Amino acid sequence: MTDQKEAENVFTRLVADVEAALPSGRWLLVTTVSRPGSIRSVSYEDEKTAAQIDIELLAQPMAEAQSSYVISLYGWAGF
C-alpha cells in the first residue's frame, strides 16, 4: 500500500475482524511499545494461556520521500 489513509483503514478493519473472532472475556487488549516506523500497534493477550496476537501498521521509506505501508500480524503461543 502506498497511501497512509488507505493503510490505516485496512488496519482498522483487520483489528475489528480479529476482535470479532476472539472469544470475549478471555482476550485482553494490552499496552505495547511501538517500534520505530510504527504508525499504529495493537496487542491482545489470552488470560488463560498467555498467548498473544500483535498487529502493527508500519511505514517503510521508499525513494523520493514516499513511503510504503505494511501491516504485520503475529501470533505467539502461550505456555
N, C-alpha and C. Protein backbone atom coordinates (compact mmCIF):
# COMPACT_ATOMS: atom_id res chain seq x y z
N MET A 1 0.84 -1.17 0.00
CA MET A 1 0.00 0.00 0.00
C MET A 1 0.89 1.24 0.00
N THR A 2 0.49 2.25 -0.71
CA THR A 2 1.30 3.46 -0.77
C THR A 2 0.57 4.69 -0.22
N ASP A 3 -0.66 4.53 0.23
CA ASP A 3 -1.43 5.64 0.79
C ASP A 3 -1.68 5.38 2.27
N GLN A 4 -1.27 6.31 3.14
CA GLN A 4 -1.38 6.09 4.58
C GLN A 4 -2.83 5.96 5.03
N LYS A 5 -3.72 6.78 4.50
CA LYS A 5 -5.12 6.71 4.90
C LYS A 5 -5.72 5.34 4.54
N GLU A 6 -5.41 4.84 3.35
CA GLU A 6 -5.88 3.52 2.93
C GLU A 6 -5.32 2.43 3.85
N ALA A 7 -4.04 2.54 4.18
CA ALA A 7 -3.40 1.57 5.07
C ALA A 7 -4.05 1.60 6.45
N GLU A 8 -4.35 2.78 6.97
CA GLU A 8 -5.00 2.89 8.28
C GLU A 8 -6.40 2.30 8.24
N ASN A 9 -7.13 2.47 7.14
CA ASN A 9 -8.46 1.88 7.01
C ASN A 9 -8.39 0.36 7.00
N VAL A 10 -7.44 -0.20 6.26
CA VAL A 10 -7.26 -1.66 6.22
C VAL A 10 -6.88 -2.17 7.61
N PHE A 11 -5.99 -1.46 8.29
CA PHE A 11 -5.56 -1.83 9.64
C PHE A 11 -6.77 -1.87 10.58
N THR A 12 -7.60 -0.83 10.53
CA THR A 12 -8.78 -0.74 11.40
C THR A 12 -9.74 -1.89 11.13
N ARG A 13 -9.96 -2.23 9.87
CA ARG A 13 -10.85 -3.36 9.53
C ARG A 13 -10.26 -4.68 10.01
N LEU A 14 -8.95 -4.87 9.87
CA LEU A 14 -8.30 -6.09 10.34
C LEU A 14 -8.43 -6.23 11.85
N VAL A 15 -8.20 -5.16 12.59
CA VAL A 15 -8.32 -5.19 14.05
C VAL A 15 -9.77 -5.55 14.43
N ALA A 16 -10.75 -4.96 13.75
CA ALA A 16 -12.16 -5.25 14.04
C ALA A 16 -12.47 -6.73 13.76
N ASP A 17 -11.94 -7.27 12.68
CA ASP A 17 -12.16 -8.68 12.35
C ASP A 17 -11.53 -9.60 13.40
N VAL A 18 -10.32 -9.27 13.84
CA VAL A 18 -9.65 -10.08 14.87
C VAL A 18 -10.44 -10.02 16.16
N GLU A 19 -10.87 -8.83 16.57
CA GLU A 19 -11.65 -8.69 17.81
C GLU A 19 -12.94 -9.49 17.74
N ALA A 20 -13.60 -9.50 16.58
CA ALA A 20 -14.85 -10.24 16.43
C ALA A 20 -14.63 -11.74 16.51
N ALA A 21 -13.46 -12.21 16.12
CA ALA A 21 -13.16 -13.64 16.11
C ALA A 21 -12.67 -14.17 17.46
N LEU A 22 -12.16 -13.30 18.31
CA LEU A 22 -11.62 -13.74 19.59
C LEU A 22 -12.74 -14.02 20.59
N PRO A 23 -12.61 -15.08 21.39
CA PRO A 23 -13.61 -15.34 22.42
C PRO A 23 -13.63 -14.17 23.43
N SER A 24 -14.80 -13.60 23.62
CA SER A 24 -14.90 -12.46 24.54
C SER A 24 -14.63 -12.90 25.97
N GLY A 25 -14.07 -12.01 26.73
CA GLY A 25 -13.79 -12.30 28.13
C GLY A 25 -12.45 -12.94 28.39
N ARG A 26 -11.85 -13.56 27.38
CA ARG A 26 -10.54 -14.20 27.57
C ARG A 26 -9.40 -13.37 27.03
N TRP A 27 -9.63 -12.65 25.95
CA TRP A 27 -8.57 -11.88 25.31
C TRP A 27 -8.65 -10.43 25.74
N LEU A 28 -7.54 -9.92 26.24
CA LEU A 28 -7.48 -8.54 26.72
C LEU A 28 -6.55 -7.71 25.84
N LEU A 29 -6.91 -6.47 25.63
CA LEU A 29 -6.05 -5.52 24.94
C LEU A 29 -4.91 -5.17 25.88
N VAL A 30 -3.67 -5.28 25.42
CA VAL A 30 -2.51 -4.98 26.26
C VAL A 30 -1.73 -3.81 25.66
N THR A 31 -1.06 -3.08 26.50
CA THR A 31 -0.25 -1.95 26.06
C THR A 31 1.09 -2.45 25.56
N THR A 32 1.52 -1.92 24.42
CA THR A 32 2.81 -2.30 23.85
C THR A 32 3.61 -1.05 23.55
N VAL A 33 4.90 -1.21 23.39
CA VAL A 33 5.77 -0.12 22.99
C VAL A 33 5.97 -0.23 21.49
N SER A 34 5.64 0.83 20.77
CA SER A 34 5.76 0.81 19.31
C SER A 34 7.22 0.85 18.88
N ARG A 35 7.48 0.16 17.78
CA ARG A 35 8.82 0.16 17.19
C ARG A 35 9.00 1.40 16.33
N PRO A 36 10.24 1.76 16.02
CA PRO A 36 10.47 2.86 15.07
C PRO A 36 9.80 2.53 13.74
N GLY A 37 9.12 3.51 13.15
CA GLY A 37 8.43 3.30 11.89
C GLY A 37 7.00 2.82 12.07
N SER A 38 6.63 2.50 13.31
CA SER A 38 5.27 2.03 13.58
C SER A 38 4.31 3.21 13.63
N ILE A 39 3.19 3.08 12.93
CA ILE A 39 2.16 4.11 12.95
C ILE A 39 1.11 3.75 13.99
N ARG A 40 0.68 2.49 13.98
CA ARG A 40 -0.29 2.00 14.96
C ARG A 40 0.08 0.58 15.33
N SER A 41 -0.22 0.23 16.57
CA SER A 41 0.11 -1.10 17.06
C SER A 41 -0.94 -1.53 18.08
N VAL A 42 -1.41 -2.77 17.97
CA VAL A 42 -2.40 -3.32 18.88
C VAL A 42 -1.95 -4.73 19.26
N SER A 43 -2.07 -5.06 20.55
CA SER A 43 -1.75 -6.42 21.01
C SER A 43 -2.86 -6.93 21.92
N TYR A 44 -3.10 -8.22 21.82
CA TYR A 44 -4.10 -8.90 22.66
C TYR A 44 -3.41 -10.07 23.34
N GLU A 45 -3.85 -10.36 24.58
CA GLU A 45 -3.30 -11.49 25.31
C GLU A 45 -4.43 -12.33 25.88
N ASP A 46 -4.29 -13.64 25.75
CA ASP A 46 -5.27 -14.58 26.30
C ASP A 46 -4.96 -14.74 27.79
N GLU A 47 -5.93 -14.45 28.64
CA GLU A 47 -5.73 -14.54 30.09
C GLU A 47 -5.39 -15.96 30.54
N LYS A 48 -5.95 -16.93 29.87
CA LYS A 48 -5.80 -18.32 30.30
C LYS A 48 -4.44 -18.91 29.92
N THR A 49 -3.99 -18.64 28.68
CA THR A 49 -2.79 -19.30 28.19
C THR A 49 -1.59 -18.37 28.02
N ALA A 50 -1.81 -17.06 28.11
CA ALA A 50 -0.78 -16.04 27.87
C ALA A 50 -0.37 -15.98 26.39
N ALA A 51 -1.17 -16.60 25.49
CA ALA A 51 -0.92 -16.45 24.06
C ALA A 51 -1.12 -14.98 23.70
N GLN A 52 -0.45 -14.54 22.65
CA GLN A 52 -0.52 -13.13 22.29
C GLN A 52 -0.69 -12.96 20.79
N ILE A 53 -1.43 -11.93 20.39
CA ILE A 53 -1.59 -11.55 19.00
C ILE A 53 -1.14 -10.10 18.88
N ASP A 54 -0.23 -9.83 17.96
CA ASP A 54 0.28 -8.47 17.72
C ASP A 54 -0.07 -8.07 16.30
N ILE A 55 -0.65 -6.87 16.14
CA ILE A 55 -0.97 -6.33 14.83
C ILE A 55 -0.33 -4.95 14.76
N GLU A 56 0.39 -4.68 13.68
CA GLU A 56 1.13 -3.41 13.59
C GLU A 56 1.08 -2.85 12.17
N LEU A 57 0.93 -1.55 12.07
CA LEU A 57 1.00 -0.84 10.80
C LEU A 57 2.32 -0.10 10.77
N LEU A 58 3.14 -0.41 9.77
CA LEU A 58 4.48 0.16 9.66
C LEU A 58 4.62 0.98 8.39
N ALA A 59 5.39 2.06 8.47
CA ALA A 59 5.76 2.84 7.29
C ALA A 59 7.19 2.47 6.93
N GLN A 60 7.39 2.14 5.67
CA GLN A 60 8.73 1.82 5.20
C GLN A 60 9.12 2.84 4.14
N PRO A 61 10.16 3.63 4.41
CA PRO A 61 10.57 4.66 3.46
C PRO A 61 10.95 4.08 2.10
N MET A 62 10.61 4.82 1.07
CA MET A 62 10.97 4.45 -0.29
C MET A 62 11.68 5.65 -0.92
N ALA A 63 12.08 5.49 -2.14
CA ALA A 63 12.76 6.58 -2.87
C ALA A 63 11.83 7.77 -3.04
N GLU A 64 12.41 8.93 -3.22
CA GLU A 64 11.69 10.18 -3.49
C GLU A 64 10.70 10.56 -2.40
N ALA A 65 11.05 10.39 -1.15
CA ALA A 65 10.27 10.82 0.02
C ALA A 65 8.88 10.18 0.10
N GLN A 66 8.69 9.05 -0.53
CA GLN A 66 7.43 8.32 -0.42
C GLN A 66 7.60 7.21 0.61
N SER A 67 6.48 6.67 1.05
CA SER A 67 6.52 5.53 1.97
C SER A 67 5.63 4.42 1.45
N SER A 68 5.98 3.22 1.84
CA SER A 68 5.16 2.05 1.60
C SER A 68 4.65 1.62 2.98
N TYR A 69 3.43 1.12 3.03
CA TYR A 69 2.84 0.75 4.32
C TYR A 69 2.62 -0.75 4.36
N VAL A 70 2.99 -1.35 5.48
CA VAL A 70 2.90 -2.80 5.67
C VAL A 70 2.16 -3.07 6.97
N ILE A 71 1.25 -4.03 6.92
CA ILE A 71 0.55 -4.47 8.12
C ILE A 71 1.08 -5.85 8.47
N SER A 72 1.54 -5.99 9.72
CA SER A 72 2.02 -7.30 10.17
C SER A 72 1.09 -7.83 11.25
N LEU A 73 0.89 -9.14 11.25
CA LEU A 73 0.07 -9.80 12.25
C LEU A 73 0.84 -11.03 12.71
N TYR A 74 1.12 -11.10 14.00
CA TYR A 74 1.88 -12.22 14.56
C TYR A 74 1.07 -12.85 15.69
N GLY A 75 1.16 -14.14 15.81
CA GLY A 75 0.56 -14.86 16.92
C GLY A 75 1.64 -15.60 17.68
N TRP A 76 1.60 -15.52 18.99
CA TRP A 76 2.58 -16.17 19.85
C TRP A 76 1.85 -17.14 20.77
N ALA A 77 2.28 -18.36 20.79
CA ALA A 77 1.65 -19.37 21.65
C ALA A 77 2.01 -19.13 23.10
N GLY A 78 1.06 -19.34 23.98
CA GLY A 78 1.33 -19.23 25.41
C GLY A 78 1.78 -20.56 25.96
N PHE A 79 2.44 -20.54 27.09
CA PHE A 79 2.92 -21.78 27.71
C PHE A 79 2.41 -21.90 29.11
